[in-house]
């Protein structure tokens, strides 16, 4: 049932490696955001998710991101309004407005956010993980 191996926090792990456009398990790589998925998962791995590729929203879009025992580098769009609910359990998040951690629930909104207009609604759950957030420069 299990095949492949990986490294996580200096430990060698054996198991099934999964790497798709919206899921990384025991793997490292980019998660595809050009065609926005409803969910993204990083488990025992490291992912890079750049949401700056989203150019226009015709309606509010919801995205659920789960990171368990992993690390995520997240780039938020500068030209698209977003609202992000960050739920963390024994995790560390840094970027944009500071550092969050342990057992925390935080809401981050872009300067363009208006609940009456289409926006990107992000729910991000971190469990024993690390998150680095930045906003795109363009």
N, C-alpha and C. Protein backbone atom coordinates (compact mmCIF):
# COMPACT_ATOMS: atom_id res chain seq x y z
N UNK A 1 0.80 -1.21 0.00
CA UNK A 1 0.00 0.00 0.00
C UNK A 1 0.84 1.27 0.00
N UNK A 2 1.93 1.26 0.71
CA UNK A 2 2.74 2.46 0.82
C UNK A 2 3.98 2.34 -0.05
N UNK A 3 4.34 3.43 -0.68
CA UNK A 3 5.56 3.43 -1.48
C UNK A 3 6.18 4.81 -1.43
N UNK A 4 7.46 4.87 -1.61
CA UNK A 4 8.15 6.15 -1.62
C UNK A 4 8.69 6.51 -0.25
N UNK A 5 9.47 7.57 -0.21
CA UNK A 5 10.01 8.05 1.04
C UNK A 5 10.19 9.56 0.94
N UNK A 6 10.34 10.19 2.07
CA UNK A 6 10.52 11.63 2.09
C UNK A 6 11.26 12.03 3.34
N UNK A 7 11.52 13.30 3.46
CA UNK A 7 12.20 13.82 4.64
C UNK A 7 11.34 14.94 5.22
N UNK A 8 11.19 14.93 6.50
CA UNK A 8 10.38 15.95 7.17
C UNK A 8 11.05 16.30 8.48
N UNK A 9 11.40 17.55 8.65
CA UNK A 9 12.07 18.05 9.84
C UNK A 9 13.27 17.17 10.21
N UNK A 10 14.03 16.80 9.19
CA UNK A 10 15.25 16.03 9.42
C UNK A 10 15.04 14.54 9.63
N UNK A 11 13.81 14.09 9.60
CA UNK A 11 13.51 12.67 9.79
C UNK A 11 13.14 12.04 8.45
N UNK A 12 13.62 10.86 8.22
CA UNK A 12 13.28 10.14 7.00
C UNK A 12 11.96 9.41 7.22
N UNK A 13 11.04 9.60 6.29
CA UNK A 13 9.72 8.99 6.40
C UNK A 13 9.45 8.10 5.20
N UNK A 14 8.81 7.00 5.44
CA UNK A 14 8.41 6.09 4.38
C UNK A 14 6.90 6.14 4.28
N UNK A 15 6.37 6.09 3.10
CA UNK A 15 4.92 6.09 2.95
C UNK A 15 4.54 6.46 1.54
N UNK A 16 3.27 6.72 1.35
CA UNK A 16 2.75 7.02 0.02
C UNK A 16 2.89 8.53 -0.24
N UNK A 17 3.66 8.88 -1.25
CA UNK A 17 3.83 10.28 -1.61
C UNK A 17 2.74 10.66 -2.60
N UNK A 18 2.08 11.78 -2.30
CA UNK A 18 1.02 12.27 -3.19
C UNK A 18 1.37 13.71 -3.56
N UNK A 19 1.37 13.99 -4.85
CA UNK A 19 1.63 15.35 -5.30
C UNK A 19 0.70 15.62 -6.47
N UNK A 20 -0.36 16.40 -6.20
CA UNK A 20 -1.30 16.80 -7.24
C UNK A 20 -1.34 18.32 -7.27
N UNK A 21 -2.19 18.89 -8.11
CA UNK A 21 -2.24 20.35 -8.19
C UNK A 21 -2.83 21.00 -6.94
N UNK A 22 -3.53 20.22 -6.08
CA UNK A 22 -4.07 20.83 -4.86
C UNK A 22 -3.79 20.02 -3.60
N UNK A 23 -2.90 19.00 -3.68
CA UNK A 23 -2.62 18.17 -2.51
C UNK A 23 -1.17 17.72 -2.51
N UNK A 24 -0.53 17.86 -1.33
CA UNK A 24 0.84 17.37 -1.14
C UNK A 24 0.87 16.53 0.13
N UNK A 25 1.28 15.28 0.01
CA UNK A 25 1.46 14.41 1.16
C UNK A 25 2.85 13.80 1.06
N UNK A 26 3.62 13.94 2.13
CA UNK A 26 5.01 13.47 2.13
C UNK A 26 5.77 13.99 0.92
N UNK A 27 5.53 15.24 0.59
CA UNK A 27 6.10 15.80 -0.63
C UNK A 27 6.34 17.30 -0.45
N UNK A 28 6.99 17.87 -1.45
CA UNK A 28 7.26 19.31 -1.45
C UNK A 28 7.02 19.82 -2.86
N UNK A 29 6.37 20.98 -2.99
CA UNK A 29 6.17 21.54 -4.31
C UNK A 29 5.15 22.65 -4.34
N UNK A 30 4.83 23.07 -5.57
CA UNK A 30 3.88 24.15 -5.79
C UNK A 30 2.47 23.58 -5.88
N UNK A 31 1.53 24.33 -5.30
CA UNK A 31 0.12 24.03 -5.44
C UNK A 31 -0.43 24.96 -6.51
N UNK A 32 -1.23 24.46 -7.41
CA UNK A 32 -1.73 25.22 -8.57
C UNK A 32 -2.87 26.15 -8.16
N UNK A 33 -2.72 27.43 -8.49
CA UNK A 33 -3.76 28.40 -8.14
C UNK A 33 -4.36 29.10 -9.36
N UNK A 34 -3.84 28.83 -10.55
CA UNK A 34 -4.40 29.50 -11.74
C UNK A 34 -5.85 29.10 -11.94
N UNK A 35 -6.15 27.82 -11.74
CA UNK A 35 -7.54 27.35 -11.71
C UNK A 35 -7.85 27.11 -10.25
N UNK A 36 -8.44 28.08 -9.60
CA UNK A 36 -8.66 28.05 -8.17
C UNK A 36 -9.44 26.81 -7.74
N UNK A 37 -8.87 26.06 -6.83
CA UNK A 37 -9.51 24.86 -6.30
C UNK A 37 -10.31 25.24 -5.06
N UNK A 38 -11.28 24.41 -4.68
CA UNK A 38 -12.05 24.66 -3.47
C UNK A 38 -11.27 24.31 -2.23
N UNK A 39 -10.25 23.44 -2.37
CA UNK A 39 -9.46 23.07 -1.20
C UNK A 39 -8.02 22.73 -1.60
N UNK A 40 -7.14 22.95 -0.63
CA UNK A 40 -5.72 22.62 -0.78
C UNK A 40 -5.28 21.94 0.52
N UNK A 41 -4.47 20.90 0.40
CA UNK A 41 -4.01 20.16 1.57
C UNK A 41 -2.50 19.95 1.51
N UNK A 42 -1.85 20.17 2.65
CA UNK A 42 -0.43 19.85 2.80
C UNK A 42 -0.33 19.01 4.08
N UNK A 43 0.13 17.77 3.93
CA UNK A 43 0.26 16.86 5.07
C UNK A 43 1.67 16.30 5.06
N UNK A 44 2.39 16.49 6.15
CA UNK A 44 3.77 16.02 6.25
C UNK A 44 4.59 16.45 5.05
N UNK A 45 4.46 17.71 4.66
CA UNK A 45 5.19 18.21 3.51
C UNK A 45 5.33 19.71 3.54
N UNK A 46 5.79 20.27 2.43
CA UNK A 46 5.98 21.71 2.31
C UNK A 46 5.39 22.16 0.99
N UNK A 47 4.51 23.16 1.06
CA UNK A 47 3.86 23.64 -0.15
C UNK A 47 4.02 25.13 -0.36
N UNK A 48 3.92 25.52 -1.62
CA UNK A 48 4.00 26.92 -2.02
C UNK A 48 2.72 27.22 -2.79
N UNK A 49 1.91 28.15 -2.27
CA UNK A 49 0.64 28.50 -2.91
C UNK A 49 0.62 29.99 -3.19
N UNK A 50 0.65 30.34 -4.47
CA UNK A 50 0.66 31.74 -4.89
C UNK A 50 -0.71 32.07 -5.47
N UNK A 51 -1.52 32.79 -4.70
CA UNK A 51 -2.86 33.16 -5.13
C UNK A 51 -2.88 34.44 -5.97
N UNK A 52 -1.71 34.99 -6.25
CA UNK A 52 -1.63 36.21 -7.04
C UNK A 52 -2.01 35.98 -8.50
N UNK A 53 -2.05 34.73 -8.93
CA UNK A 53 -2.44 34.43 -10.30
C UNK A 53 -3.91 34.66 -10.58
N UNK A 54 -4.68 34.87 -9.54
CA UNK A 54 -6.12 35.13 -9.70
C UNK A 54 -6.26 36.60 -10.13
N UNK A 55 -6.84 36.81 -11.26
CA UNK A 55 -6.92 38.16 -11.82
C UNK A 55 -8.27 38.84 -11.62
N UNK A 56 -9.36 38.05 -11.57
CA UNK A 56 -10.68 38.66 -11.47
C UNK A 56 -11.64 37.67 -10.81
N UNK A 57 -12.54 38.19 -10.00
CA UNK A 57 -13.59 37.37 -9.40
C UNK A 57 -14.94 37.91 -9.83
N UNK A 58 -15.78 37.04 -10.39
CA UNK A 58 -17.14 37.44 -10.76
C UNK A 58 -18.09 37.27 -9.59
N UNK A 59 -17.70 36.38 -8.65
CA UNK A 59 -18.50 36.16 -7.45
C UNK A 59 -17.55 35.79 -6.32
N UNK A 60 -18.01 35.83 -5.10
CA UNK A 60 -17.20 35.44 -3.97
C UNK A 60 -16.84 33.97 -4.08
N UNK A 61 -15.56 33.65 -3.92
CA UNK A 61 -15.08 32.27 -4.02
C UNK A 61 -14.51 31.84 -2.68
N UNK A 62 -14.87 30.66 -2.23
CA UNK A 62 -14.37 30.12 -0.97
C UNK A 62 -13.27 29.10 -1.24
N UNK A 63 -12.23 29.17 -0.41
CA UNK A 63 -11.10 28.26 -0.51
C UNK A 63 -10.77 27.78 0.89
N UNK A 64 -10.63 26.47 1.05
CA UNK A 64 -10.25 25.88 2.34
C UNK A 64 -8.84 25.31 2.20
N UNK A 65 -7.96 25.71 3.10
CA UNK A 65 -6.57 25.24 3.07
C UNK A 65 -6.28 24.53 4.40
N UNK A 66 -5.81 23.29 4.32
CA UNK A 66 -5.47 22.51 5.51
C UNK A 66 -3.98 22.19 5.48
N UNK A 67 -3.31 22.47 6.60
CA UNK A 67 -1.90 22.12 6.72
C UNK A 67 -1.74 21.35 8.02
N UNK A 68 -1.31 20.10 7.91
CA UNK A 68 -1.14 19.24 9.08
C UNK A 68 0.29 18.72 9.09
N UNK A 69 1.00 19.02 10.17
CA UNK A 69 2.40 18.60 10.29
C UNK A 69 3.20 18.99 9.06
N UNK A 70 3.02 20.24 8.62
CA UNK A 70 3.70 20.69 7.41
C UNK A 70 4.05 22.16 7.45
N UNK A 71 4.40 22.65 6.28
CA UNK A 71 4.79 24.05 6.13
C UNK A 71 4.17 24.57 4.84
N UNK A 72 3.62 25.79 4.92
CA UNK A 72 3.02 26.42 3.74
C UNK A 72 3.55 27.83 3.59
N UNK A 73 3.95 28.16 2.36
CA UNK A 73 4.33 29.52 1.99
C UNK A 73 3.16 30.04 1.15
N UNK A 74 2.48 31.06 1.64
CA UNK A 74 1.27 31.55 0.99
C UNK A 74 1.46 32.98 0.52
N UNK A 75 1.18 33.22 -0.77
CA UNK A 75 1.24 34.57 -1.33
C UNK A 75 -0.20 35.00 -1.60
N UNK A 76 -0.62 36.08 -0.94
CA UNK A 76 -1.97 36.59 -1.11
C UNK A 76 -2.00 37.63 -2.22
N UNK A 77 -3.11 37.72 -2.95
CA UNK A 77 -3.19 38.67 -4.06
C UNK A 77 -3.30 40.11 -3.57
N UNK A 78 -2.63 40.99 -4.27
CA UNK A 78 -2.68 42.40 -3.90
C UNK A 78 -3.87 43.10 -4.57
N UNK A 79 -4.28 42.61 -5.75
CA UNK A 79 -5.33 43.28 -6.52
C UNK A 79 -6.71 42.65 -6.36
N UNK A 80 -6.81 41.55 -5.62
CA UNK A 80 -8.08 40.87 -5.38
C UNK A 80 -8.40 40.98 -3.89
N UNK A 81 -9.61 41.44 -3.54
CA UNK A 81 -9.96 41.51 -2.12
C UNK A 81 -10.08 40.11 -1.52
N UNK A 82 -9.64 39.97 -0.28
CA UNK A 82 -9.72 38.69 0.40
C UNK A 82 -10.04 38.88 1.88
N UNK A 83 -10.61 37.85 2.45
CA UNK A 83 -10.82 37.75 3.88
C UNK A 83 -10.33 36.37 4.28
N UNK A 84 -9.43 36.29 5.25
CA UNK A 84 -8.85 35.01 5.65
C UNK A 84 -9.10 34.76 7.13
N UNK A 85 -9.66 33.58 7.42
CA UNK A 85 -9.80 33.11 8.79
C UNK A 85 -8.71 32.08 9.02
N UNK A 86 -7.84 32.38 9.95
CA UNK A 86 -6.70 31.53 10.25
C UNK A 86 -6.93 30.86 11.60
N UNK A 87 -7.07 29.54 11.59
CA UNK A 87 -7.25 28.76 12.81
C UNK A 87 -6.00 27.93 13.00
N UNK A 88 -5.32 28.11 14.14
CA UNK A 88 -4.09 27.36 14.34
C UNK A 88 -4.09 26.65 15.68
N UNK A 89 -3.56 25.44 15.67
CA UNK A 89 -3.40 24.64 16.88
C UNK A 89 -1.93 24.22 16.95
N UNK A 90 -1.24 24.70 17.98
CA UNK A 90 0.17 24.40 18.16
C UNK A 90 0.96 24.64 16.88
N UNK A 91 0.72 25.79 16.27
CA UNK A 91 1.34 26.15 15.00
C UNK A 91 1.88 27.56 15.08
N UNK A 92 2.68 27.93 14.09
CA UNK A 92 3.24 29.27 14.02
C UNK A 92 2.95 29.85 12.64
N UNK A 93 2.47 31.08 12.65
CA UNK A 93 2.20 31.81 11.41
C UNK A 93 2.91 33.14 11.49
N UNK A 94 3.51 33.54 10.38
CA UNK A 94 4.17 34.84 10.39
C UNK A 94 3.97 35.53 9.05
N UNK A 95 3.98 36.86 9.11
CA UNK A 95 3.84 37.67 7.91
C UNK A 95 2.76 38.71 8.05
N UNK A 96 2.63 39.54 7.05
CA UNK A 96 1.65 40.62 6.95
C UNK A 96 1.53 41.47 8.21
N UNK A 97 0.81 41.01 9.20
CA UNK A 97 0.55 41.85 10.37
C UNK A 97 1.17 41.34 11.65
N UNK A 98 2.09 40.40 11.56
CA UNK A 98 2.75 39.92 12.76
C UNK A 98 2.86 38.41 12.81
N UNK A 99 3.04 37.92 14.03
CA UNK A 99 3.20 36.49 14.26
C UNK A 99 2.04 35.99 15.10
N UNK A 100 1.49 34.86 14.69
CA UNK A 100 0.39 34.24 15.42
C UNK A 100 0.85 32.85 15.80
N UNK A 101 0.25 32.28 16.83
CA UNK A 101 0.69 30.95 17.17
C UNK A 101 -0.16 30.25 18.19
N UNK A 102 0.30 29.06 18.53
CA UNK A 102 -0.36 28.16 19.47
C UNK A 102 -1.81 27.92 19.12
N UNK A 103 -2.72 28.22 20.03
CA UNK A 103 -4.15 28.00 19.77
C UNK A 103 -4.75 29.37 19.52
N UNK A 104 -5.01 29.63 18.27
CA UNK A 104 -5.36 30.99 17.87
C UNK A 104 -6.40 30.97 16.77
N UNK A 105 -7.24 31.98 16.76
CA UNK A 105 -8.13 32.21 15.63
C UNK A 105 -7.97 33.67 15.26
N UNK A 106 -7.57 33.92 14.02
CA UNK A 106 -7.26 35.27 13.56
C UNK A 106 -7.96 35.53 12.25
N UNK A 107 -8.38 36.78 12.04
CA UNK A 107 -8.97 37.17 10.76
C UNK A 107 -8.10 38.25 10.15
N UNK A 108 -7.76 38.04 8.87
CA UNK A 108 -6.95 39.01 8.14
C UNK A 108 -7.74 39.40 6.89
N UNK A 109 -7.89 40.71 6.66
CA UNK A 109 -8.60 41.17 5.46
C UNK A 109 -7.69 42.11 4.68
N UNK A 110 -7.88 42.09 3.37
CA UNK A 110 -7.09 42.97 2.51
C UNK A 110 -7.66 44.39 2.58
N UNK A 111 -6.86 45.38 2.23
CA UNK A 111 -7.36 46.76 2.21
C UNK A 111 -8.52 46.95 1.22
N UNK A 112 -8.63 46.09 0.20
CA UNK A 112 -9.69 46.20 -0.80
C UNK A 112 -10.99 45.51 -0.38
N UNK A 113 -10.98 44.84 0.76
CA UNK A 113 -12.12 44.01 1.16
C UNK A 113 -13.39 44.84 1.37
N UNK A 114 -14.47 44.39 0.74
CA UNK A 114 -15.81 44.96 0.91
C UNK A 114 -16.77 43.78 0.82
N UNK A 115 -17.46 43.47 1.91
CA UNK A 115 -18.33 42.30 1.97
C UNK A 115 -19.45 42.34 0.93
N UNK A 116 -19.75 43.50 0.40
CA UNK A 116 -20.81 43.65 -0.59
C UNK A 116 -20.34 43.33 -2.02
N UNK A 117 -19.03 43.19 -2.20
CA UNK A 117 -18.47 42.91 -3.52
C UNK A 117 -17.78 41.55 -3.51
N UNK A 118 -17.57 40.94 -4.71
CA UNK A 118 -16.90 39.64 -4.76
C UNK A 118 -15.50 39.69 -4.12
N UNK A 119 -15.20 38.66 -3.35
CA UNK A 119 -13.89 38.57 -2.71
C UNK A 119 -13.50 37.11 -2.56
N UNK A 120 -12.26 36.89 -2.22
CA UNK A 120 -11.73 35.56 -1.98
C UNK A 120 -11.87 35.27 -0.49
N UNK A 121 -12.68 34.26 -0.16
CA UNK A 121 -12.95 33.88 1.23
C UNK A 121 -12.07 32.67 1.55
N UNK A 122 -11.04 32.89 2.37
CA UNK A 122 -10.06 31.84 2.66
C UNK A 122 -10.22 31.37 4.10
N UNK A 123 -10.35 30.06 4.26
CA UNK A 123 -10.31 29.46 5.60
C UNK A 123 -9.07 28.59 5.65
N UNK A 124 -8.18 28.89 6.59
CA UNK A 124 -6.90 28.19 6.67
C UNK A 124 -6.76 27.54 8.04
N UNK A 125 -6.65 26.22 8.07
CA UNK A 125 -6.48 25.47 9.32
C UNK A 125 -5.07 24.92 9.39
N UNK A 126 -4.38 25.24 10.49
CA UNK A 126 -3.02 24.76 10.72
C UNK A 126 -3.00 23.89 11.97
N UNK A 127 -2.41 22.72 11.86
CA UNK A 127 -2.25 21.85 13.01
C UNK A 127 -0.79 21.40 13.05
N UNK A 128 -0.11 21.77 14.13
CA UNK A 128 1.31 21.44 14.29
C UNK A 128 2.10 21.79 13.03
N UNK A 129 1.91 23.02 12.55
CA UNK A 129 2.48 23.42 11.26
C UNK A 129 3.07 24.82 11.32
N UNK A 130 3.64 25.23 10.19
CA UNK A 130 4.27 26.53 10.07
C UNK A 130 3.72 27.20 8.81
N UNK A 131 3.36 28.48 8.92
CA UNK A 131 2.82 29.24 7.80
C UNK A 131 3.58 30.54 7.65
N UNK A 132 4.00 30.83 6.43
CA UNK A 132 4.59 32.13 6.11
C UNK A 132 3.70 32.79 5.09
N UNK A 133 3.19 33.98 5.43
CA UNK A 133 2.26 34.70 4.56
C UNK A 133 2.93 35.97 4.07
N UNK A 134 2.72 36.26 2.79
CA UNK A 134 3.12 37.56 2.28
C UNK A 134 2.13 37.98 1.21
N UNK A 135 2.08 39.25 0.95
CA UNK A 135 1.21 39.76 -0.12
C UNK A 135 2.09 39.98 -1.35
N UNK A 136 1.50 39.74 -2.51
CA UNK A 136 2.28 39.89 -3.75
C UNK A 136 2.80 41.32 -3.87
N UNK A 137 3.85 41.48 -4.62
CA UNK A 137 4.45 42.80 -4.78
C UNK A 137 3.88 43.54 -5.98
N UNK A 138 3.25 42.82 -6.89
CA UNK A 138 2.72 43.46 -8.12
C UNK A 138 1.35 44.07 -7.89
